[in-house]
Amino acid sequence: MFWFNLVCIVVAALPMPFLFQNHTGHIWGALTLGGLMGGIAQIMMTAAVRYAPVSVPAPFDYLQIVWATIWGFVLFATLPSSESMVGAVLIAAAGTYVVWRERKVRRTIVPSSSEL
């Protein structure tokens, strides 16, 4: 997580001398809140993968599509295009298939004599 944050800071700082603008207090508050929430979310995602197999928290990752659609509508009054919706359905279907297949494979594995 340290390296991810370090790379993001460096990449975001490169265009700063050319694009920086002064912001109002409300904008700074929103930016700070967004940064804190993003950092907490990153820590929670890392902890989820540490304490559970990747296949357990992975389906929750698809909720990002739902939340992005909701926030896009609430904040910007936009809805995704039909192509975006088809892509979202394909991504969700692929993820659902992977989870189904992994559970099926896990059920068919016969424990070895050393595990009994």
PDB file of N, CA and C in Angstrom:
ATOM      1  N   MET A   1       0.821  -1.183   0.000  1.00  0.00           N
ATOM      2  CA  MET A   1       0.000   0.000   0.000  1.00  0.00           C
ATOM      3  C   MET A   1       0.875   1.261   0.000  1.00  0.00           C
ATOM      4  N   PHE A   2       2.031   1.191   0.652  1.00  0.00           N
ATOM      5  CA  PHE A   2       2.934   2.331   0.685  1.00  0.00           C
ATOM      6  C   PHE A   2       3.375   2.726  -0.719  1.00  0.00           C
ATOM      7  N   TRP A   3       3.772   1.741  -1.519  1.00  0.00           N
ATOM      8  CA  TRP A   3       4.275   2.028  -2.853  1.00  0.00           C
ATOM      9  C   TRP A   3       3.175   2.568  -3.750  1.00  0.00           C
ATOM     10  N   PHE A   4       1.967   2.046  -3.595  1.00  0.00           N
ATOM     11  CA  PHE A   4       0.831   2.550  -4.369  1.00  0.00           C
ATOM     12  C   PHE A   4       0.621   4.039  -4.083  1.00  0.00           C
ATOM     13  N   ASN A   5       0.603   4.401  -2.807  1.00  0.00           N
ATOM     14  CA  ASN A   5       0.406   5.804  -2.429  1.00  0.00           C
ATOM     15  C   ASN A   5       1.559   6.679  -2.910  1.00  0.00           C
ATOM     16  N   LEU A   6       2.766   6.176  -2.791  1.00  0.00           N
ATOM     17  CA  LEU A   6       3.926   6.955  -3.228  1.00  0.00           C
ATOM     18  C   LEU A   6       3.874   7.230  -4.728  1.00  0.00           C
ATOM     19  N   VAL A   7       3.573   6.219  -5.514  1.00  0.00           N
ATOM     20  CA  VAL A   7       3.487   6.403  -6.965  1.00  0.00           C
ATOM     21  C   VAL A   7       2.370   7.380  -7.314  1.00  0.00           C
ATOM     22  N   CYS A   8       1.221   7.263  -6.643  1.00  0.00           N
ATOM     23  CA  CYS A   8       0.107   8.186  -6.914  1.00  0.00           C
ATOM     24  C   CYS A   8       0.476   9.627  -6.591  1.00  0.00           C
ATOM     25  N   ILE A   9       1.185   9.844  -5.503  1.00  0.00           N
ATOM     26  CA  ILE A   9       1.598  11.198  -5.134  1.00  0.00           C
ATOM     27  C   ILE A   9       2.545  11.773  -6.180  1.00  0.00           C
ATOM     28  N   VAL A  10       3.508  10.976  -6.610  1.00  0.00           N
ATOM     29  CA  VAL A  10       4.486  11.455  -7.591  1.00  0.00           C
ATOM     30  C   VAL A  10       3.801  11.762  -8.925  1.00  0.00           C
ATOM     31  N   VAL A  11       2.954  10.851  -9.389  1.00  0.00           N
ATOM     32  CA  VAL A  11       2.285  11.052 -10.679  1.00  0.00           C
ATOM     33  C   VAL A  11       1.345  12.255 -10.621  1.00  0.00           C
ATOM     34  N   ALA A  12       0.641  12.436  -9.512  1.00  0.00           N
ATOM     35  CA  ALA A  12      -0.270  13.575  -9.376  1.00  0.00           C
ATOM     36  C   ALA A  12       0.493  14.887  -9.232  1.00  0.00           C
ATOM     37  N   ALA A  13       1.699  14.851  -8.684  1.00  0.00           N
ATOM     38  CA  ALA A  13       2.476  16.082  -8.477  1.00  0.00           C
ATOM     39  C   ALA A  13       3.131  16.587  -9.760  1.00  0.00           C
ATOM     40  N   LEU A  14       3.358  15.726 -10.731  1.00  0.00           N
ATOM     41  CA  LEU A  14       4.039  16.146 -11.957  1.00  0.00           C
ATOM     42  C   LEU A  14       3.320  17.274 -12.702  1.00  0.00           C
ATOM     43  N   PRO A  15       2.018  17.193 -12.934  1.00  0.00           N
ATOM     44  CA  PRO A  15       1.362  18.291 -13.658  1.00  0.00           C
ATOM     45  C   PRO A  15       0.943  19.461 -12.755  1.00  0.00           C
ATOM     46  N   MET A  16       1.175  19.335 -11.455  1.00  0.00           N
ATOM     47  CA  MET A  16       0.694  20.350 -10.519  1.00  0.00           C
ATOM     48  C   MET A  16       1.166  21.774 -10.833  1.00  0.00           C
ATOM     49  N   PRO A  17       2.429  22.014 -11.188  1.00  0.00           N
ATOM     50  CA  PRO A  17       2.846  23.395 -11.475  1.00  0.00           C
ATOM     51  C   PRO A  17       2.087  24.022 -12.649  1.00  0.00           C
ATOM     52  N   PHE A  18       1.573  23.197 -13.534  1.00  0.00           N
ATOM     53  CA  PHE A  18       0.896  23.712 -14.727  1.00  0.00           C
ATOM     54  C   PHE A  18      -0.625  23.811 -14.558  1.00  0.00           C
ATOM     55  N   LEU A  19      -1.202  23.010 -13.667  1.00  0.00           N
ATOM     56  CA  LEU A  19      -2.656  22.917 -13.564  1.00  0.00           C
ATOM     57  C   LEU A  19      -3.233  23.375 -12.234  1.00  0.00           C
ATOM     58  N   PHE A  20      -2.395  23.749 -11.261  1.00  0.00           N
ATOM     59  CA  PHE A  20      -2.886  24.089  -9.930  1.00  0.00           C
ATOM     60  C   PHE A  20      -3.808  25.302  -9.964  1.00  0.00           C
ATOM     61  N   GLN A  21      -4.901  25.199  -9.214  1.00  0.00           N
ATOM     62  CA  GLN A  21      -5.837  26.308  -9.041  1.00  0.00           C
ATOM     63  C   GLN A  21      -6.156  26.438  -7.560  1.00  0.00           C
ATOM     64  N   ASN A  22      -6.382  27.664  -7.101  1.00  0.00           N
ATOM     65  CA  ASN A  22      -6.818  27.859  -5.726  1.00  0.00           C
ATOM     66  C   ASN A  22      -8.254  27.384  -5.583  1.00  0.00           C
ATOM     67  N   HIS A  23      -8.550  26.737  -4.458  1.00  0.00           N
ATOM     68  CA  HIS A  23      -9.888  26.207  -4.225  1.00  0.00           C
ATOM     69  C   HIS A  23     -10.518  26.890  -3.018  1.00  0.00           C
ATOM     70  N   THR A  24     -11.839  26.830  -2.979  1.00  0.00           N
ATOM     71  CA  THR A  24     -12.566  27.340  -1.818  1.00  0.00           C
ATOM     72  C   THR A  24     -12.490  26.317  -0.697  1.00  0.00           C
ATOM     73  N   GLY A  25     -12.925  26.714   0.480  1.00  0.00           N
ATOM     74  CA  GLY A  25     -12.927  25.809   1.634  1.00  0.00           C
ATOM     75  C   GLY A  25     -13.780  24.577   1.407  1.00  0.00           C
ATOM     76  N   HIS A  26     -14.916  24.734   0.711  1.00  0.00           N
ATOM     77  CA  HIS A  26     -15.792  23.587   0.446  1.00  0.00           C
ATOM     78  C   HIS A  26     -15.095  22.555  -0.445  1.00  0.00           C
ATOM     79  N   ILE A  27     -14.385  23.036  -1.437  1.00  0.00           N
ATOM     80  CA  ILE A  27     -13.683  22.123  -2.334  1.00  0.00           C
ATOM     81  C   ILE A  27     -12.565  21.407  -1.589  1.00  0.00           C
ATOM     82  N   TRP A  28     -11.809  22.144  -0.764  1.00  0.00           N
ATOM     83  CA  TRP A  28     -10.758  21.496   0.020  1.00  0.00           C
ATOM     84  C   TRP A  28     -11.346  20.456   0.961  1.00  0.00           C
ATOM     85  N   GLY A  29     -12.487  20.753   1.548  1.00  0.00           N
ATOM     86  CA  GLY A  29     -13.162  19.780   2.420  1.00  0.00           C
ATOM     87  C   GLY A  29     -13.555  18.530   1.660  1.00  0.00           C
ATOM     88  N   ALA A  30     -14.115  18.717   0.452  1.00  0.00           N
ATOM     89  CA  ALA A  30     -14.517  17.566  -0.364  1.00  0.00           C
ATOM     90  C   ALA A  30     -13.296  16.749  -0.788  1.00  0.00           C
ATOM     91  N   LEU A  31     -12.217  17.432  -1.169  1.00  0.00           N
ATOM     92  CA  LEU A  31     -10.997  16.724  -1.554  1.00  0.00           C
ATOM     93  C   LEU A  31     -10.401  15.950  -0.376  1.00  0.00           C
ATOM     94  N   THR A  32     -10.386  16.576   0.787  1.00  0.00           N
ATOM     95  CA  THR A  32      -9.867  15.914   1.983  1.00  0.00           C
ATOM     96  C   THR A  32     -10.723  14.707   2.351  1.00  0.00           C
ATOM     97  N   LEU A  33     -12.038  14.884   2.331  1.00  0.00           N
ATOM     98  CA  LEU A  33     -12.944  13.776   2.645  1.00  0.00           C
ATOM     99  C   LEU A  33     -12.793  12.635   1.639  1.00  0.00           C
ATOM    100  N   GLY A  34     -12.684  12.983   0.366  1.00  0.00           N
ATOM    101  CA  GLY A  34     -12.483  11.957  -0.659  1.00  0.00           C
ATOM    102  C   GLY A  34     -11.178  11.203  -0.464  1.00  0.00           C
ATOM    103  N   GLY A  35     -10.118  11.922  -0.126  1.00  0.00           N
ATOM    104  CA  GLY A  35      -8.831  11.276   0.125  1.00  0.00           C
ATOM    105  C   GLY A  35      -8.870  10.364   1.335  1.00  0.00           C
ATOM    106  N   LEU A  36      -9.493  10.827   2.415  1.00  0.00           N
ATOM    107  CA  LEU A  36      -9.602   9.997   3.616  1.00  0.00           C
ATOM    108  C   LEU A  36     -10.437   8.749   3.358  1.00  0.00           C
ATOM    109  N   MET A  37     -11.570   8.924   2.689  1.00  0.00           N
ATOM    110  CA  MET A  37     -12.429   7.780   2.398  1.00  0.00           C
ATOM    111  C   MET A  37     -11.726   6.791   1.466  1.00  0.00           C
ATOM    112  N   GLY A  38     -11.003   7.303   0.478  1.00  0.00           N
ATOM    113  CA  GLY A  38     -10.259   6.423  -0.424  1.00  0.00           C
ATOM    114  C   GLY A  38      -9.161   5.668   0.301  1.00  0.00           C
ATOM    115  N   GLY A  39      -8.461   6.334   1.207  1.00  0.00           N
ATOM    116  CA  GLY A  39      -7.417   5.668   1.991  1.00  0.00           C
ATOM    117  C   GLY A  39      -7.979   4.591   2.903  1.00  0.00           C
ATOM    118  N   ILE A  40      -9.084   4.903   3.565  1.00  0.00           N
ATOM    119  CA  ILE A  40      -9.731   3.916   4.431  1.00  0.00           C
ATOM    120  C   ILE A  40     -10.234   2.729   3.603  1.00  0.00           C
ATOM    121  N   ALA A  41     -10.800   3.008   2.439  1.00  0.00           N
ATOM    122  CA  ALA A  41     -11.274   1.928   1.573  1.00  0.00           C
ATOM    123  C   ALA A  41     -10.118   1.037   1.132  1.00  0.00           C
ATOM    124  N   GLN A  42      -8.972   1.631   0.808  1.00  0.00           N
ATOM    125  CA  GLN A  42      -7.808   0.843   0.397  1.00  0.00           C
ATOM    126  C   GLN A  42      -7.341  -0.055   1.528  1.00  0.00           C
ATOM    127  N   ILE A  43      -7.301   0.471   2.735  1.00  0.00           N
ATOM    128  CA  ILE A  43      -6.902  -0.322   3.904  1.00  0.00           C
ATOM    129  C   ILE A  43      -7.886  -1.466   4.121  1.00  0.00           C
ATOM    130  N   MET A  44      -9.178  -1.184   4.001  1.00  0.00           N
ATOM    131  CA  MET A  44     -10.183  -2.231   4.200  1.00  0.00           C
ATOM    132  C   MET A  44     -10.110  -3.308   3.126  1.00  0.00           C
ATOM    133  N   MET A  45      -9.863  -2.923   1.875  1.00  0.00           N
ATOM    134  CA  MET A  45      -9.732  -3.924   0.805  1.00  0.00           C
ATOM    135  C   MET A  45      -8.510  -4.804   1.042  1.00  0.00           C
ATOM    136  N   THR A  46      -7.414  -4.199   1.494  1.00  0.00           N
ATOM    137  CA  THR A  46      -6.216  -4.973   1.787  1.00  0.00           C
ATOM    138  C   THR A  46      -6.474  -5.938   2.941  1.00  0.00           C
ATOM    139  N   ALA A  47      -7.168  -5.472   3.972  1.00  0.00           N
ATOM    140  CA  ALA A  47      -7.487  -6.342   5.106  1.00  0.00           C
ATOM    141  C   ALA A  47      -8.433  -7.464   4.694  1.00  0.00           C
ATOM    142  N   ALA A  48      -9.380  -7.181   3.827  1.00  0.00           N
ATOM    143  CA  ALA A  48     -10.320  -8.208   3.382  1.00  0.00           C
ATOM    144  C   ALA A  48      -9.588  -9.338   2.674  1.00  0.00           C
ATOM    145  N   VAL A  49      -8.609  -9.002   1.856  1.00  0.00           N
ATOM    146  CA  VAL A  49      -7.851 -10.034   1.138  1.00  0.00           C
ATOM    147  C   VAL A  49      -6.908 -10.766   2.096  1.00  0.00           C
ATOM    148  N   ARG A  50      -6.468 -10.103   3.148  1.00  0.00           N
ATOM    149  CA  ARG A  50      -5.589 -10.749   4.124  1.00  0.00           C
ATOM    150  C   ARG A  50      -6.352 -11.798   4.939  1.00  0.00           C
ATOM    151  N   TYR A  51      -7.602 -11.510   5.292  1.00  0.00           N
ATOM    152  CA  TYR A  51      -8.350 -12.382   6.184  1.00  0.00           C
ATOM    153  C   TYR A  51      -9.288 -13.355   5.475  1.00  0.00           C
ATOM    154  N   ALA A  52      -9.431 -13.262   4.182  1.00  0.00           N
ATOM    155  CA  ALA A  52     -10.320 -14.169   3.448  1.00  0.00           C
ATOM    156  C   ALA A  52      -9.709 -14.471   2.095  1.00  0.00           C
ATOM    157  N   PRO A  53     -10.076 -15.605   1.516  1.00  0.00           N
ATOM    158  CA  PRO A  53      -9.608 -15.879   0.157  1.00  0.00           C
ATOM    159  C   PRO A  53     -10.120 -14.802  -0.803  1.00  0.00           C
ATOM    160  N   VAL A  54      -9.372 -14.551  -1.854  1.00  0.00           N
ATOM    161  CA  VAL A  54      -9.722 -13.483  -2.796  1.00  0.00           C
ATOM    162  C   VAL A  54     -11.117 -13.692  -3.377  1.00  0.00           C
ATOM    163  N   SER A  55     -11.535 -14.922  -3.535  1.00  0.00           N
ATOM    164  CA  SER A  55     -12.843 -15.182  -4.136  1.00  0.00           C
ATOM    165  C   SER A  55     -14.002 -14.743  -3.244  1.00  0.00           C
ATOM    166  N   VAL A  56     -13.760 -14.514  -1.961  1.00  0.00           N
ATOM    167  CA  VAL A  56     -14.844 -14.065  -1.071  1.00  0.00           C
ATOM    168  C   VAL A  56     -15.143 -12.578  -1.253  1.00  0.00           C
ATOM    169  N   PRO A  57     -14.154 -11.666  -1.139  1.00  0.00           N
ATOM    170  CA  PRO A  57     -14.481 -10.247  -1.310  1.00  0.00           C
ATOM    171  C   PRO A  57     -14.599  -9.789  -2.761  1.00  0.00           C
ATOM    172  N   ALA A  58     -14.139 -10.594  -3.719  1.00  0.00           N
ATOM    173  CA  ALA A  58     -14.138 -10.175  -5.125  1.00  0.00           C
ATOM    174  C   ALA A  58     -15.524  -9.802  -5.654  1.00  0.00           C
ATOM    175  N   PRO A  59     -16.582 -10.559  -5.352  1.00  0.00           N
ATOM    176  CA  PRO A  59     -17.892 -10.153  -5.877  1.00  0.00           C
ATOM    177  C   PRO A  59     -18.341  -8.766  -5.396  1.00  0.00           C
ATOM    178  N   PHE A  60     -17.898  -8.366  -4.221  1.00  0.00           N
ATOM    179  CA  PHE A  60     -18.268  -7.044  -3.721  1.00  0.00           C
ATOM    180  C   PHE A  60     -17.624  -5.937  -4.544  1.00  0.00           C
ATOM    181  N   ASP A  61     -16.553  -6.255  -5.231  1.00  0.00           N
ATOM    182  CA  ASP A  61     -15.878  -5.282  -6.086  1.00  0.00           C
ATOM    183  C   ASP A  61     -16.804  -4.825  -7.211  1.00  0.00           C
ATOM    184  N   TYR A  62     -17.710  -5.692  -7.623  1.00  0.00           N
ATOM    185  CA  TYR A  62     -18.633  -5.339  -8.701  1.00  0.00           C
ATOM    186  C   TYR A  62     -19.665  -4.306  -8.265  1.00  0.00           C
ATOM    187  N   LEU A  63     -19.803  -4.092  -6.965  1.00  0.00           N
ATOM    188  CA  LEU A  63     -20.706  -3.044  -6.491  1.00  0.00           C
ATOM    189  C   LEU A  63     -20.211  -1.658  -6.892  1.00  0.00           C
ATOM    190  N   GLN A  64     -18.939  -1.547  -7.255  1.00  0.00           N
ATOM    191  CA  GLN A  64     -18.425  -0.262  -7.723  1.00  0.00           C
ATOM    192  C   GLN A  64     -19.188   0.218  -8.950  1.00  0.00           C
ATOM    193  N   ILE A  65     -19.580  -0.712  -9.798  1.00  0.00           N
ATOM    194  CA  ILE A  65     -20.339  -0.347 -10.997  1.00  0.00           C
ATOM    195  C   ILE A  65     -21.669   0.273 -10.591  1.00  0.00           C
ATOM    196  N   VAL A  66     -22.334  -0.354  -9.627  1.00  0.00           N
ATOM    197  CA  VAL A  66     -23.635   0.150  -9.163  1.00  0.00           C
ATOM    198  C   VAL A  66     -23.470   1.526  -8.523  1.00  0.00           C
ATOM    199  N   TRP A  67     -22.495   1.649  -7.616  1.00  0.00           N
ATOM    200  CA  TRP A  67     -22.300   2.928  -6.926  1.00  0.00           C
ATOM    201  C   TRP A  67     -21.865   4.034  -7.880  1.00  0.00           C
ATOM    202  N   ALA A  68     -21.030   3.722  -8.844  1.00  0.00           N
ATOM    203  CA  ALA A  68     -20.616   4.731  -9.820  1.00  0.00           C
ATOM    204  C   ALA A  68     -21.811   5.225 -10.628  1.00  0.00           C
ATOM    205  N   THR A  69     -22.707   4.321 -10.972  1.00  0.00           N
ATOM    206  CA  THR A  69     -23.916   4.707 -11.704  1.00  0.00           C
ATOM    207  C   THR A  69     -24.806   5.604 -10.848  1.00  0.00           C
ATOM    208  N   ILE A  70     -24.997   5.215  -9.590  1.00  0.00           N
ATOM    209  CA  ILE A  70     -25.844   6.009  -8.684  1.00  0.00           C
ATOM    210  C   ILE A  70     -25.246   7.402  -8.474  1.00  0.00           C
ATOM    211  N   TRP A  71     -23.947   7.467  -8.144  1.00  0.00           N
ATOM    212  CA  TRP A  71     -23.323   8.768  -7.896  1.00  0.00           C
ATOM    213  C   TRP A  71     -23.255   9.614  -9.164  1.00  0.00           C
ATOM    214  N   GLY A  72     -23.054   8.981 -10.299  1.00  0.00           N
ATOM    215  CA  GLY A  72     -23.064   9.727 -11.556  1.00  0.00           C
ATOM    216  C   GLY A  72     -24.408  10.374 -11.812  1.00  0.00           C
ATOM    217  N   PHE A  73     -25.479   9.649 -11.481  1.00  0.00           N
ATOM    218  CA  PHE A  73     -26.819  10.205 -11.662  1.00  0.00           C
ATOM    219  C   PHE A  73     -27.108  11.298 -10.638  1.00  0.00           C
ATOM    220  N   VAL A  74     -26.770  11.036  -9.363  1.00  0.00           N
ATOM    221  CA  VAL A  74     -27.062  12.004  -8.293  1.00  0.00           C
ATOM    222  C   VAL A  74     -26.258  13.292  -8.470  1.00  0.00           C
ATOM    223  N   LEU A  75     -24.969  13.169  -8.753  1.00  0.00           N
ATOM    224  CA  LEU A  75     -24.116  14.347  -8.814  1.00  0.00           C
ATOM    225  C   LEU A  75     -24.121  15.050 -10.166  1.00  0.00           C
ATOM    226  N   PHE A  76     -24.242  14.286 -11.249  1.00  0.00           N
ATOM    227  CA  PHE A  76     -24.090  14.877 -12.568  1.00  0.00           C
ATOM    228  C   PHE A  76     -25.295  14.683 -13.484  1.00  0.00           C
ATOM    229  N   ALA A  77     -26.345  14.038 -12.983  1.00  0.00           N
ATOM    230  CA  ALA A  77     -27.565  13.781 -13.759  1.00  0.00           C
ATOM    231  C   ALA A  77     -27.259  13.050 -15.066  1.00  0.00           C
ATOM    232  N   THR A  78     -26.341  12.077 -14.996  1.00  0.00           N
ATOM    233  CA  THR A  78     -25.996  11.290 -16.184  1.00  0.00           C
ATOM    234  C   THR A  78     -26.278   9.820 -15.936  1.00  0.00           C
ATOM    235  N   LEU A  79     -26.601   9.139 -16.987  1.00  0.00           N
ATOM    236  CA  LEU A  79     -26.769   7.700 -16.945  1.00  0.00           C
ATOM    237  C   LEU A  79     -25.770   7.073 -17.907  1.00  0.00           C
ATOM    238  N   PRO A  80     -25.312   5.859 -17.618  1.00  0.00           N
ATOM    239  CA  PRO A  80     -24.367   5.225 -18.526  1.00  0.00           C
ATOM    240  C   PRO A  80     -25.000   4.912 -19.876  1.00  0.00           C
ATOM    241  N   SER A  81     -24.176   4.871 -20.906  1.00  0.00           N
ATOM    242  CA  SER A  81     -24.672   4.542 -22.238  1.00  0.00           C
ATOM    243  C   SER A  81     -25.039   3.059 -22.295  1.00  0.00           C
ATOM    244  N   SER A  82     -25.723   2.688 -23.356  1.00  0.00           N
ATOM    245  CA  SER A  82     -26.116   1.283 -23.494  1.00  0.00           C
ATOM    246  C   SER A  82     -24.881   0.391 -23.624  1.00  0.00           C
ATOM    247  N   GLU A  83     -23.830   0.886 -24.268  1.00  0.00           N
ATOM    248  CA  GLU A  83     -22.598   0.109 -24.380  1.00  0.00           C
ATOM    249  C   GLU A  83     -21.972  -0.120 -23.004  1.00  0.00           C
ATOM    250  N   SER A  84     -22.018   0.892 -22.152  1.00  0.00           N
ATOM    251  CA  SER A  84     -21.483   0.752 -20.796  1.00  0.00           C
ATOM    252  C   SER A  84     -22.283  -0.259 -19.991  1.00  0.00           C
ATOM    253  N   MET A  85     -23.588  -0.233 -20.161  1.00  0.00           N
ATOM    254  CA  MET A  85     -24.435  -1.182 -19.439  1.00  0.00           C
ATOM    255  C   MET A  85     -24.167  -2.615 -19.904  1.00  0.00           C
ATOM    256  N   VAL A  86     -23.993  -2.810 -21.206  1.00  0.00           N
ATOM    257  CA  VAL A  86     -23.669  -4.142 -21.722  1.00  0.00           C
ATOM    258  C   VAL A  86     -22.328  -4.599 -21.149  1.00  0.00           C
ATOM    259  N   GLY A  87     -21.351  -3.708 -21.114  1.00  0.00           N
ATOM    260  CA  GLY A  87     -20.051  -4.046 -20.545  1.00  0.00           C
ATOM    261  C   GLY A  87     -20.150  -4.402 -19.067  1.00  0.00           C
ATOM    262  N   ALA A  88     -20.952  -3.641 -18.321  1.00  0.00           N
ATOM    263  CA  ALA A  88     -21.136  -3.925 -16.895  1.00  0.00           C
ATOM    264  C   ALA A  88     -21.777  -5.289 -16.688  1.00  0.00           C
ATOM    265  N   VAL A  89     -22.760  -5.609 -17.504  1.00  0.00           N
ATOM    266  CA  VAL A  89     -23.419  -6.914 -17.394  1.00  0.00           C
ATOM    267  C   VAL A  89     -22.427  -8.030 -17.721  1.00  0.00           C
ATOM    268  N   LEU A  90     -21.607  -7.840 -18.755  1.00  0.00           N
ATOM    269  CA  LEU A  90     -20.608  -8.855 -19.108  1.00  0.00           C
ATOM    270  C   LEU A  90     -19.580  -9.046 -17.986  1.00  0.00           C
ATOM    271  N   ILE A  91     -19.132  -7.959 -17.393  1.00  0.00           N
ATOM    272  CA  ILE A  91     -18.169  -8.051 -16.290  1.00  0.00           C
ATOM    273  C   ILE A  91     -18.786  -8.773 -15.104  1.00  0.00           C
ATOM    274  N   ALA A  92     -20.019  -8.396 -14.739  1.00  0.00           N
ATOM    275  CA  ALA A  92     -20.692  -9.047 -13.616  1.00  0.00           C
ATOM    276  C   ALA A  92     -20.953 -10.520 -13.903  1.00  0.00           C
ATOM    277  N   ALA A  93     -21.348 -10.842 -15.123  1.00  0.00           N
ATOM    278  CA  ALA A  93     -21.602 -12.241 -15.481  1.00  0.00           C
ATOM    279  C   ALA A  93     -20.315 -13.053 -15.422  1.00  0.00           C
ATOM    280  N   ALA A  94     -19.217 -12.492 -15.899  1.00  0.00           N
ATOM    281  CA  ALA A  94     -17.937 -13.206 -15.849  1.00  0.00           C
ATOM    282  C   ALA A  94     -17.515 -13.448 -14.407  1.00  0.00           C
ATOM    283  N   GLY A  95     -17.664 -12.454 -13.562  1.00  0.00           N
ATOM    284  CA  GLY A  95     -17.319 -12.610 -12.148  1.00  0.00           C
ATOM    285  C   GLY A  95     -18.193 -13.643 -11.465  1.00  0.00           C
ATOM    286  N   THR A  96     -19.472 -13.629 -11.779  1.00  0.00           N
ATOM    287  CA  THR A  96     -20.391 -14.617 -11.204  1.00  0.00           C
ATOM    288  C   THR A  96     -20.023 -16.024 -11.657  1.00  0.00           C
ATOM    289  N   TYR A  97     -19.662 -16.162 -12.924  1.00  0.00           N
ATOM    290  CA  TYR A  97     -19.258 -17.467 -13.444  1.00  0.00           C
ATOM    291  C   TYR A  97     -17.999 -17.962 -12.737  1.00  0.00           C
ATOM    292  N   VAL A  98     -17.031 -17.099 -12.530  1.00  0.00           N
ATOM    293  CA  VAL A  98     -15.789 -17.501 -11.862  1.00  0.00           C
ATOM    294  C   VAL A  98     -16.086 -17.981 -10.441  1.00  0.00           C
ATOM    295  N   VAL A  99     -16.928 -17.246  -9.712  1.00  0.00           N
ATOM    296  CA  VAL A  99     -17.280 -17.657  -8.351  1.00  0.00           C
ATOM    297  C   VAL A  99     -17.989 -19.006  -8.381  1.00  0.00           C
ATOM    298  N   TRP A 100     -18.938 -19.192  -9.286  1.00  0.00           N
ATOM    299  CA  TRP A 100     -19.662 -20.463  -9.406  1.00  0.00           C
ATOM    300  C   TRP A 100     -18.705 -21.608  -9.722  1.00  0.00           C
ATOM    301  N   ARG A 101     -17.803 -21.374 -10.674  1.00  0.00           N
ATOM    302  CA  ARG A 101     -16.859 -22.414 -11.078  1.00  0.00           C
ATOM    303  C   ARG A 101     -15.916 -22.779  -9.944  1.00  0.00           C
ATOM    304  N   GLU A 102     -15.427 -21.776  -9.208  1.00  0.00           N
ATOM    305  CA  GLU A 102     -14.518 -22.041  -8.091  1.00  0.00           C
ATOM    306  C   GLU A 102     -15.208 -22.845  -7.003  1.00  0.00           C
ATOM    307  N   ARG A 103     -16.448 -22.547  -6.727  1.00  0.00           N
ATOM    308  CA  ARG A 103     -17.183 -23.324  -5.721  1.00  0.00           C
ATOM    309  C   ARG A 103     -17.412 -24.750  -6.183  1.00  0.00           C
ATOM    310  N   LYS A 104     -17.700 -24.916  -7.467  1.00  0.00           N
ATOM    311  CA  LYS A 104     -17.913 -26.254  -8.012  1.00  0.00           C
ATOM    312  C   LYS A 104     -16.621 -27.062  -7.949  1.00  0.00           C
ATOM    313  N   VAL A 105     -15.496 -26.475  -8.311  1.00  0.00           N
ATOM    314  CA  VAL A 105     -14.204 -27.152  -8.261  1.00  0.00           C
ATOM    315  C   VAL A 105     -13.856 -27.512  -6.824  1.00  0.00           C
ATOM    316  N   ARG A 106     -14.121 -26.632  -5.899  1.00  0.00           N
ATOM    317  CA  ARG A 106     -13.810 -26.873  -4.489  1.00  0.00           C
ATOM    318  C   ARG A 106     -14.604 -28.066  -3.956  1.00  0.00           C
ATOM    319  N   ARG A 107     -15.837 -28.240  -4.411  1.00  0.00           N
ATOM    320  CA  ARG A 107     -16.664 -29.362  -3.958  1.00  0.00           C
ATOM    321  C   ARG A 107     -16.188 -30.695  -4.506  1.00  0.00           C
ATOM    322  N   THR A 108     -15.580 -30.697  -5.692  1.00  0.00           N
ATOM    323  CA  THR A 108     -15.183 -31.955  -6.314  1.00  0.00           C
ATOM    324  C   THR A 108     -13.811 -32.434  -5.878  1.00  0.00           C
ATOM    325  N   ILE A 109     -13.051 -31.597  -5.168  1.00  0.00           N
ATOM    326  CA  ILE A 109     -11.717 -31.997  -4.704  1.00  0.00           C
ATOM    327  C   ILE A 109     -11.877 -32.995  -3.553  1.00  0.00           C
ATOM    328  N   VAL A 110     -11.256 -34.144  -3.699  1.00  0.00           N
ATOM    329  CA  VAL A 110     -11.300 -35.169  -2.667  1.00  0.00           C
ATOM    330  C   VAL A 110     -10.075 -34.984  -1.767  1.00  0.00           C
ATOM    331  N   PRO A 111     -10.280 -34.889  -0.446  1.00  0.00           N
ATOM    332  CA  PRO A 111      -9.122 -34.692   0.444  1.00  0.00           C
ATOM    333  C   PRO A 111      -8.167 -35.879   0.394  1.00  0.00           C
ATOM    334  N   SER A 112      -6.881 -35.599   0.453  1.00  0.00           N
ATOM    335  CA  SER A 112      -5.885 -36.666   0.468  1.00  0.00           C
ATOM    336  C   SER A 112      -5.883 -37.360   1.814  1.00  0.00           C
ATOM    337  N   SER A 113      -5.235 -38.499   1.880  1.00  0.00           N
ATOM    338  CA  SER A 113      -5.204 -39.268   3.127  1.00  0.00           C
ATOM    339  C   SER A 113      -4.486 -38.512   4.244  1.00  0.00           C
ATOM    340  N   SER A 114      -3.542 -37.633   3.894  1.00  0.00           N
ATOM    341  CA  SER A 114      -2.840 -36.864   4.920  1.00  0.00           C
ATOM    342  C   SER A 114      -3.717 -35.789   5.543  1.00  0.00           C
ATOM    343  N   GLU A 115      -4.781 -35.378   4.836  1.00  0.00           N
ATOM    344  CA  GLU A 115      -5.675 -34.340   5.371  1.00  0.00           C
ATOM    345  C   GLU A 115      -6.764 -34.941   6.236  1.00  0.00           C
ATOM    346  N   LEU A 116      -6.959 -36.234   6.198  1.00  0.00           N
ATOM    347  CA  LEU A 116      -8.029 -36.878   6.977  1.00  0.00           C
ATOM    348  C   LEU A 116      -7.666 -37.057   8.398  1.00  0.00           C
TER     349      LEU A 116
END
